[in-house]
Amino acid sequence: MSIKLSQLSKPQKNIQVLSLDGPESVRLMEMGITPGTSLDVVKTAPLGFPIEIKIRGYSLSLRKAEADCVILKQ
């Protein structure tokens, strides 16, 4: 089953990136979000965005448009 990163609303650990789709995908790959990489959702803002994730040992905050491009395996 797959889900977009933007659809997650609470912290979760060890989620695997399945694929990237959309106009922001090249930029996300340059930031280290690549298919097969595991990430942790650390926090979400009160209204849902930005989302703070931890990937490859560093923290990263993503906007809604960026989070919509990340498809996760659940």
PDB file of N, CA and C in Angstrom:
ATOM      1  N   MET A   1       0.843  -1.177   0.000  1.00  0.00           N
ATOM      2  CA  MET A   1       0.000   0.000   0.000  1.00  0.00           C
ATOM      3  C   MET A   1       0.892   1.245   0.000  1.00  0.00           C
ATOM      4  N   SER A   2       0.534   2.248  -0.766  1.00  0.00           N
ATOM      5  CA  SER A   2       1.327   3.471  -0.820  1.00  0.00           C
ATOM      6  C   SER A   2       0.496   4.662  -0.352  1.00  0.00           C
ATOM      7  N   ILE A   3       1.202   5.659   0.179  1.00  0.00           N
ATOM      8  CA  ILE A   3       0.561   6.858   0.693  1.00  0.00           C
ATOM      9  C   ILE A   3       1.518   8.027   0.463  1.00  0.00           C
ATOM     10  N   LYS A   4       0.984   9.210   0.275  1.00  0.00           N
ATOM     11  CA  LYS A   4       1.823  10.395   0.110  1.00  0.00           C
ATOM     12  C   LYS A   4       2.281  10.887   1.478  1.00  0.00           C
ATOM     13  N   LEU A   5       3.465  11.454   1.524  1.00  0.00           N
ATOM     14  CA  LEU A   5       4.000  12.003   2.765  1.00  0.00           C
ATOM     15  C   LEU A   5       3.080  13.088   3.328  1.00  0.00           C
ATOM     16  N   SER A   6       2.439  13.835   2.465  1.00  0.00           N
ATOM     17  CA  SER A   6       1.558  14.918   2.914  1.00  0.00           C
ATOM     18  C   SER A   6       0.311  14.398   3.630  1.00  0.00           C
ATOM     19  N   GLN A   7      -0.010  13.123   3.487  1.00  0.00           N
ATOM     20  CA  GLN A   7      -1.199  12.548   4.119  1.00  0.00           C
ATOM     21  C   GLN A   7      -0.938  12.055   5.539  1.00  0.00           C
ATOM     22  N   LEU A   8       0.312  12.024   5.969  1.00  0.00           N
ATOM     23  CA  LEU A   8       0.631  11.601   7.331  1.00  0.00           C
ATOM     24  C   LEU A   8       0.422  12.763   8.280  1.00  0.00           C
ATOM     25  N   SER A   9      -0.202  12.491   9.422  1.00  0.00           N
ATOM     26  CA  SER A   9      -0.495  13.588  10.347  1.00  0.00           C
ATOM     27  C   SER A   9       0.176  13.422  11.709  1.00  0.00           C
ATOM     28  N   LYS A  10       0.776  12.260  11.967  1.00  0.00           N
ATOM     29  CA  LYS A  10       1.429  12.068  13.262  1.00  0.00           C
ATOM     30  C   LYS A  10       2.810  11.448  13.053  1.00  0.00           C
ATOM     31  N   PRO A  11       3.675  11.571  14.050  1.00  0.00           N
ATOM     32  CA  PRO A  11       5.036  11.018  13.923  1.00  0.00           C
ATOM     33  C   PRO A  11       5.035   9.510  13.658  1.00  0.00           C
ATOM     34  N   GLN A  12       5.906   9.087  12.757  1.00  0.00           N
ATOM     35  CA  GLN A  12       6.072   7.672  12.437  1.00  0.00           C
ATOM     36  C   GLN A  12       7.546   7.426  12.151  1.00  0.00           C
ATOM     37  N   LYS A  13       7.972   6.183  12.369  1.00  0.00           N
ATOM     38  CA  LYS A  13       9.384   5.843  12.172  1.00  0.00           C
ATOM     39  C   LYS A  13       9.542   4.777  11.102  1.00  0.00           C
ATOM     40  N   ASN A  14      10.717   4.771  10.496  1.00  0.00           N
ATOM     41  CA  ASN A  14      11.130   3.766   9.512  1.00  0.00           C
ATOM     42  C   ASN A  14      10.126   3.573   8.382  1.00  0.00           C
ATOM     43  N   ILE A  15       9.796   4.653   7.712  1.00  0.00           N
ATOM     44  CA  ILE A  15       8.928   4.594   6.542  1.00  0.00           C
ATOM     45  C   ILE A  15       9.838   4.623   5.322  1.00  0.00           C
ATOM     46  N   GLN A  16       9.572   3.770   4.367  1.00  0.00           N
ATOM     47  CA  GLN A  16      10.437   3.687   3.190  1.00  0.00           C
ATOM     48  C   GLN A  16       9.849   4.497   2.038  1.00  0.00           C
ATOM     49  N   VAL A  17      10.714   5.261   1.374  1.00  0.00           N
ATOM     50  CA  VAL A  17      10.310   6.033   0.201  1.00  0.00           C
ATOM     51  C   VAL A  17      10.159   5.062  -0.967  1.00  0.00           C
ATOM     52  N   LEU A  18       8.976   5.039  -1.570  1.00  0.00           N
ATOM     53  CA  LEU A  18       8.699   4.159  -2.692  1.00  0.00           C
ATOM     54  C   LEU A  18       9.081   4.823  -4.009  1.00  0.00           C
ATOM     55  N   SER A  19       8.650   6.067  -4.191  1.00  0.00           N
ATOM     56  CA  SER A  19       8.988   6.789  -5.417  1.00  0.00           C
ATOM     57  C   SER A  19       8.762   8.279  -5.224  1.00  0.00           C
ATOM     58  N   LEU A  20       9.202   9.056  -6.201  1.00  0.00           N
ATOM     59  CA  LEU A  20       8.993  10.501  -6.226  1.00  0.00           C
ATOM     60  C   LEU A  20       8.248  10.826  -7.504  1.00  0.00           C
ATOM     61  N   ASP A  21       7.300  11.753  -7.393  1.00  0.00           N
ATOM     62  CA  ASP A  21       6.497  12.106  -8.553  1.00  0.00           C
ATOM     63  C   ASP A  21       6.177  13.590  -8.493  1.00  0.00           C
ATOM     64  N   GLY A  22       6.282  14.271  -9.589  1.00  0.00           N
ATOM     65  CA  GLY A  22       5.900  15.670  -9.628  1.00  0.00           C
ATOM     66  C   GLY A  22       7.057  16.600  -9.919  1.00  0.00           C
ATOM     67  N   PRO A  23       6.740  17.895  -9.967  1.00  0.00           N
ATOM     68  CA  PRO A  23       7.737  18.886 -10.374  1.00  0.00           C
ATOM     69  C   PRO A  23       8.868  19.096  -9.363  1.00  0.00           C
ATOM     70  N   GLU A  24       8.651  18.748  -8.114  1.00  0.00           N
ATOM     71  CA  GLU A  24       9.663  18.953  -7.083  1.00  0.00           C
ATOM     72  C   GLU A  24      10.599  17.746  -6.918  1.00  0.00           C
ATOM     73  N   SER A  25      10.391  16.687  -7.687  1.00  0.00           N
ATOM     74  CA  SER A  25      11.118  15.436  -7.455  1.00  0.00           C
ATOM     75  C   SER A  25      12.634  15.566  -7.635  1.00  0.00           C
ATOM     76  N   VAL A  26      13.093  16.341  -8.604  1.00  0.00           N
ATOM     77  CA  VAL A  26      14.536  16.504  -8.806  1.00  0.00           C
ATOM     78  C   VAL A  26      15.153  17.209  -7.600  1.00  0.00           C
ATOM     79  N   ARG A  27      14.498  18.241  -7.121  1.00  0.00           N
ATOM     80  CA  ARG A  27      15.004  18.980  -5.956  1.00  0.00           C
ATOM     81  C   ARG A  27      15.043  18.083  -4.725  1.00  0.00           C
ATOM     82  N   LEU A  28      14.022  17.245  -4.544  1.00  0.00           N
ATOM     83  CA  LEU A  28      13.990  16.335  -3.396  1.00  0.00           C
ATOM     84  C   LEU A  28      15.115  15.311  -3.468  1.00  0.00           C
ATOM     85  N   MET A  29      15.403  14.811  -4.660  1.00  0.00           N
ATOM     86  CA  MET A  29      16.505  13.859  -4.803  1.00  0.00           C
ATOM     87  C   MET A  29      17.843  14.528  -4.486  1.00  0.00           C
ATOM     88  N   GLU A  30      17.990  15.787  -4.833  1.00  0.00           N
ATOM     89  CA  GLU A  30      19.216  16.515  -4.501  1.00  0.00           C
ATOM     90  C   GLU A  30      19.366  16.697  -2.993  1.00  0.00           C
ATOM     91  N   MET A  31      18.238  16.713  -2.257  1.00  0.00           N
ATOM     92  CA  MET A  31      18.267  16.838  -0.798  1.00  0.00           C
ATOM     93  C   MET A  31      18.441  15.485  -0.105  1.00  0.00           C
ATOM     94  N   GLY A  32      18.483  14.395  -0.872  1.00  0.00           N
ATOM     95  CA  GLY A  32      18.741  13.087  -0.288  1.00  0.00           C
ATOM     96  C   GLY A  32      17.534  12.181  -0.164  1.00  0.00           C
ATOM     97  N   ILE A  33      16.390  12.628  -0.629  1.00  0.00           N
ATOM     98  CA  ILE A  33      15.188  11.788  -0.579  1.00  0.00           C
ATOM     99  C   ILE A  33      15.138  11.004  -1.881  1.00  0.00           C
ATOM    100  N   THR A  34      15.552   9.747  -1.816  1.00  0.00           N
ATOM    101  CA  THR A  34      15.593   8.889  -2.994  1.00  0.00           C
ATOM    102  C   THR A  34      14.806   7.617  -2.729  1.00  0.00           C
ATOM    103  N   PRO A  35      14.300   6.959  -3.772  1.00  0.00           N
ATOM    104  CA  PRO A  35      13.570   5.705  -3.580  1.00  0.00           C
ATOM    105  C   PRO A  35      14.421   4.677  -2.840  1.00  0.00           C
ATOM    106  N   GLY A  36      13.798   4.000  -1.869  1.00  0.00           N
ATOM    107  CA  GLY A  36      14.479   2.985  -1.081  1.00  0.00           C
ATOM    108  C   GLY A  36      15.048   3.499   0.225  1.00  0.00           C
ATOM    109  N   THR A  37      15.067   4.816   0.424  1.00  0.00           N
ATOM    110  CA  THR A  37      15.599   5.418   1.645  1.00  0.00           C
ATOM    111  C   THR A  37      14.533   5.413   2.735  1.00  0.00           C
ATOM    112  N   SER A  38      14.937   5.146   3.974  1.00  0.00           N
ATOM    113  CA  SER A  38      14.011   5.198   5.107  1.00  0.00           C
ATOM    114  C   SER A  38      14.023   6.589   5.721  1.00  0.00           C
ATOM    115  N   LEU A  39      12.855   7.018   6.203  1.00  0.00           N
ATOM    116  CA  LEU A  39      12.759   8.308   6.864  1.00  0.00           C
ATOM    117  C   LEU A  39      11.854   8.206   8.084  1.00  0.00           C
ATOM    118  N   ASP A  40      11.988   9.165   8.991  1.00  0.00           N
ATOM    119  CA  ASP A  40      11.139   9.279  10.170  1.00  0.00           C
ATOM    120  C   ASP A  40      10.402  10.605  10.092  1.00  0.00           C
ATOM    121  N   VAL A  41       9.092  10.579  10.340  1.00  0.00           N
ATOM    122  CA  VAL A  41       8.332  11.817  10.461  1.00  0.00           C
ATOM    123  C   VAL A  41       8.449  12.242  11.912  1.00  0.00           C
ATOM    124  N   VAL A  42       9.101  13.371  12.164  1.00  0.00           N
ATOM    125  CA  VAL A  42       9.380  13.835  13.518  1.00  0.00           C
ATOM    126  C   VAL A  42       8.221  14.667  14.053  1.00  0.00           C
ATOM    127  N   LYS A  43       7.825  15.703  13.316  1.00  0.00           N
ATOM    128  CA  LYS A  43       6.769  16.607  13.755  1.00  0.00           C
ATOM    129  C   LYS A  43       5.999  17.142  12.568  1.00  0.00           C
ATOM    130  N   THR A  44       4.761  17.551  12.841  1.00  0.00           N
ATOM    131  CA  THR A  44       3.990  18.311  11.863  1.00  0.00           C
ATOM    132  C   THR A  44       3.518  19.585  12.541  1.00  0.00           C
ATOM    133  N   ALA A  45       3.406  20.648  11.787  1.00  0.00           N
ATOM    134  CA  ALA A  45       2.913  21.917  12.324  1.00  0.00           C
ATOM    135  C   ALA A  45       1.434  21.764  12.685  1.00  0.00           C
ATOM    136  N   PRO A  46       0.915  22.641  13.539  1.00  0.00           N
ATOM    137  CA  PRO A  46      -0.489  22.524  13.960  1.00  0.00           C
ATOM    138  C   PRO A  46      -1.494  22.475  12.821  1.00  0.00           C
ATOM    139  N   LEU A  47      -1.252  23.176  11.743  1.00  0.00           N
ATOM    140  CA  LEU A  47      -2.176  23.139  10.608  1.00  0.00           C
ATOM    141  C   LEU A  47      -1.761  22.111   9.556  1.00  0.00           C
ATOM    142  N   GLY A  48      -0.728  21.330   9.838  1.00  0.00           N
ATOM    143  CA  GLY A  48      -0.333  20.248   8.949  1.00  0.00           C
ATOM    144  C   GLY A  48       0.965  20.458   8.193  1.00  0.00           C
ATOM    145  N   PHE A  49       1.351  21.702   7.946  1.00  0.00           N
ATOM    146  CA  PHE A  49       2.564  21.952   7.181  1.00  0.00           C
ATOM    147  C   PHE A  49       3.316  23.107   7.778  1.00  0.00           C
ATOM    148  N   PRO A  50       4.617  23.087   7.800  1.00  0.00           N
ATOM    149  CA  PRO A  50       5.525  22.111   7.209  1.00  0.00           C
ATOM    150  C   PRO A  50       5.600  20.821   8.022  1.00  0.00           C
ATOM    151  N   ILE A  51       6.180  19.803   7.406  1.00  0.00           N
ATOM    152  CA  ILE A  51       6.425  18.511   8.041  1.00  0.00           C
ATOM    153  C   ILE A  51       7.932  18.396   8.263  1.00  0.00           C
ATOM    154  N   GLU A  52       8.328  18.035   9.478  1.00  0.00           N
ATOM    155  CA  GLU A  52       9.748  17.824   9.756  1.00  0.00           C
ATOM    156  C   GLU A  52      10.031  16.333   9.669  1.00  0.00           C
ATOM    157  N   ILE A  53      11.019  15.976   8.847  1.00  0.00           N
ATOM    158  CA  ILE A  53      11.426  14.579   8.723  1.00  0.00           C
ATOM    159  C   ILE A  53      12.901  14.456   9.069  1.00  0.00           C
ATOM    160  N   LYS A  54      13.305  13.249   9.405  1.00  0.00           N
ATOM    161  CA  LYS A  54      14.719  12.941   9.632  1.00  0.00           C
ATOM    162  C   LYS A  54      15.093  11.875   8.607  1.00  0.00           C
ATOM    163  N   ILE A  55      16.083  12.194   7.804  1.00  0.00           N
ATOM    164  CA  ILE A  55      16.507  11.290   6.736  1.00  0.00           C
ATOM    165  C   ILE A  55      18.019  11.405   6.586  1.00  0.00           C
ATOM    166  N   ARG A  56      18.679  10.269   6.462  1.00  0.00           N
ATOM    167  CA  ARG A  56      20.138  10.206   6.277  1.00  0.00           C
ATOM    168  C   ARG A  56      20.904  10.975   7.351  1.00  0.00           C
ATOM    169  N   GLY A  57      20.370  11.013   8.575  1.00  0.00           N
ATOM    170  CA  GLY A  57      21.079  11.626   9.682  1.00  0.00           C
ATOM    171  C   GLY A  57      20.871  13.120   9.858  1.00  0.00           C
ATOM    172  N   TYR A  58      20.018  13.740   9.066  1.00  0.00           N
ATOM    173  CA  TYR A  58      19.753  15.163   9.262  1.00  0.00           C
ATOM    174  C   TYR A  58      18.257  15.436   9.219  1.00  0.00           C
ATOM    175  N   SER A  59      17.858  16.571   9.781  1.00  0.00           N
ATOM    176  CA  SER A  59      16.451  16.970   9.803  1.00  0.00           C
ATOM    177  C   SER A  59      16.160  17.881   8.620  1.00  0.00           C
ATOM    178  N   LEU A  60      14.948  17.748   8.109  1.00  0.00           N
ATOM    179  CA  LEU A  60      14.547  18.489   6.926  1.00  0.00           C
ATOM    180  C   LEU A  60      13.081  18.861   7.072  1.00  0.00           C
ATOM    181  N   SER A  61      12.725  20.085   6.757  1.00  0.00           N
ATOM    182  CA  SER A  61      11.331  20.525   6.777  1.00  0.00           C
ATOM    183  C   SER A  61      10.847  20.658   5.344  1.00  0.00           C
ATOM    184  N   LEU A  62       9.663  20.102   5.074  1.00  0.00           N
ATOM    185  CA  LEU A  62       9.108  20.115   3.724  1.00  0.00           C
ATOM    186  C   LEU A  62       7.782  20.854   3.683  1.00  0.00           C
ATOM    187  N   ARG A  63       7.575  21.612   2.623  1.00  0.00           N
ATOM    188  CA  ARG A  63       6.292  22.272   2.377  1.00  0.00           C
ATOM    189  C   ARG A  63       5.306  21.263   1.799  1.00  0.00           C
ATOM    190  N   LYS A  64       4.037  21.655   1.706  1.00  0.00           N
ATOM    191  CA  LYS A  64       3.000  20.765   1.205  1.00  0.00           C
ATOM    192  C   LYS A  64       3.293  20.317  -0.227  1.00  0.00           C
ATOM    193  N   ALA A  65       3.700  21.232  -1.085  1.00  0.00           N
ATOM    194  CA  ALA A  65       3.981  20.886  -2.481  1.00  0.00           C
ATOM    195  C   ALA A  65       5.098  19.849  -2.584  1.00  0.00           C
ATOM    196  N   GLU A  66       6.091  19.952  -1.714  1.00  0.00           N
ATOM    197  CA  GLU A  66       7.193  18.989  -1.717  1.00  0.00           C
ATOM    198  C   GLU A  66       6.737  17.649  -1.145  1.00  0.00           C
ATOM    199  N   ALA A  67       5.971  17.684  -0.062  1.00  0.00           N
ATOM    200  CA  ALA A  67       5.504  16.445   0.571  1.00  0.00           C
ATOM    201  C   ALA A  67       4.531  15.683  -0.331  1.00  0.00           C
ATOM    202  N   ASP A  68       3.811  16.383  -1.197  1.00  0.00           N
ATOM    203  CA  ASP A  68       2.896  15.724  -2.140  1.00  0.00           C
ATOM    204  C   ASP A  68       3.649  14.871  -3.160  1.00  0.00           C
ATOM    205  N   CYS A  69       4.918  15.168  -3.400  1.00  0.00           N
ATOM    206  CA  CYS A  69       5.706  14.455  -4.400  1.00  0.00           C
ATOM    207  C   CYS A  69       6.322  13.160  -3.861  1.00  0.00           C
ATOM    208  N   VAL A  70       6.345  12.983  -2.538  1.00  0.00           N
ATOM    209  CA  VAL A  70       6.998  11.819  -1.926  1.00  0.00           C
ATOM    210  C   VAL A  70       5.952  10.741  -1.665  1.00  0.00           C
ATOM    211  N   ILE A  71       6.108   9.607  -2.319  1.00  0.00           N
ATOM    212  CA  ILE A  71       5.189   8.474  -2.151  1.00  0.00           C
ATOM    213  C   ILE A  71       5.889   7.436  -1.292  1.00  0.00           C
ATOM    214  N   LEU A  72       5.212   7.021  -0.218  1.00  0.00           N
ATOM    215  CA  LEU A  72       5.793   6.125   0.777  1.00  0.00           C
ATOM    216  C   LEU A  72       5.163   4.743   0.716  1.00  0.00           C
ATOM    217  N   LYS A  73       5.941   3.746   1.126  1.00  0.00           N
ATOM    218  CA  LYS A  73       5.435   2.383   1.265  1.00  0.00           C
ATOM    219  C   LYS A  73       5.039   2.189   2.719  1.00  0.00           C
ATOM    220  N   GLN A  74       3.812   1.730   2.952  1.00  0.00           N
ATOM    221  CA  GLN A  74       3.360   1.517   4.326  1.00  0.00           C
ATOM    222  C   GLN A  74       3.138   0.080   4.612  1.00  0.00           C
TER     223      GLN A  74
END
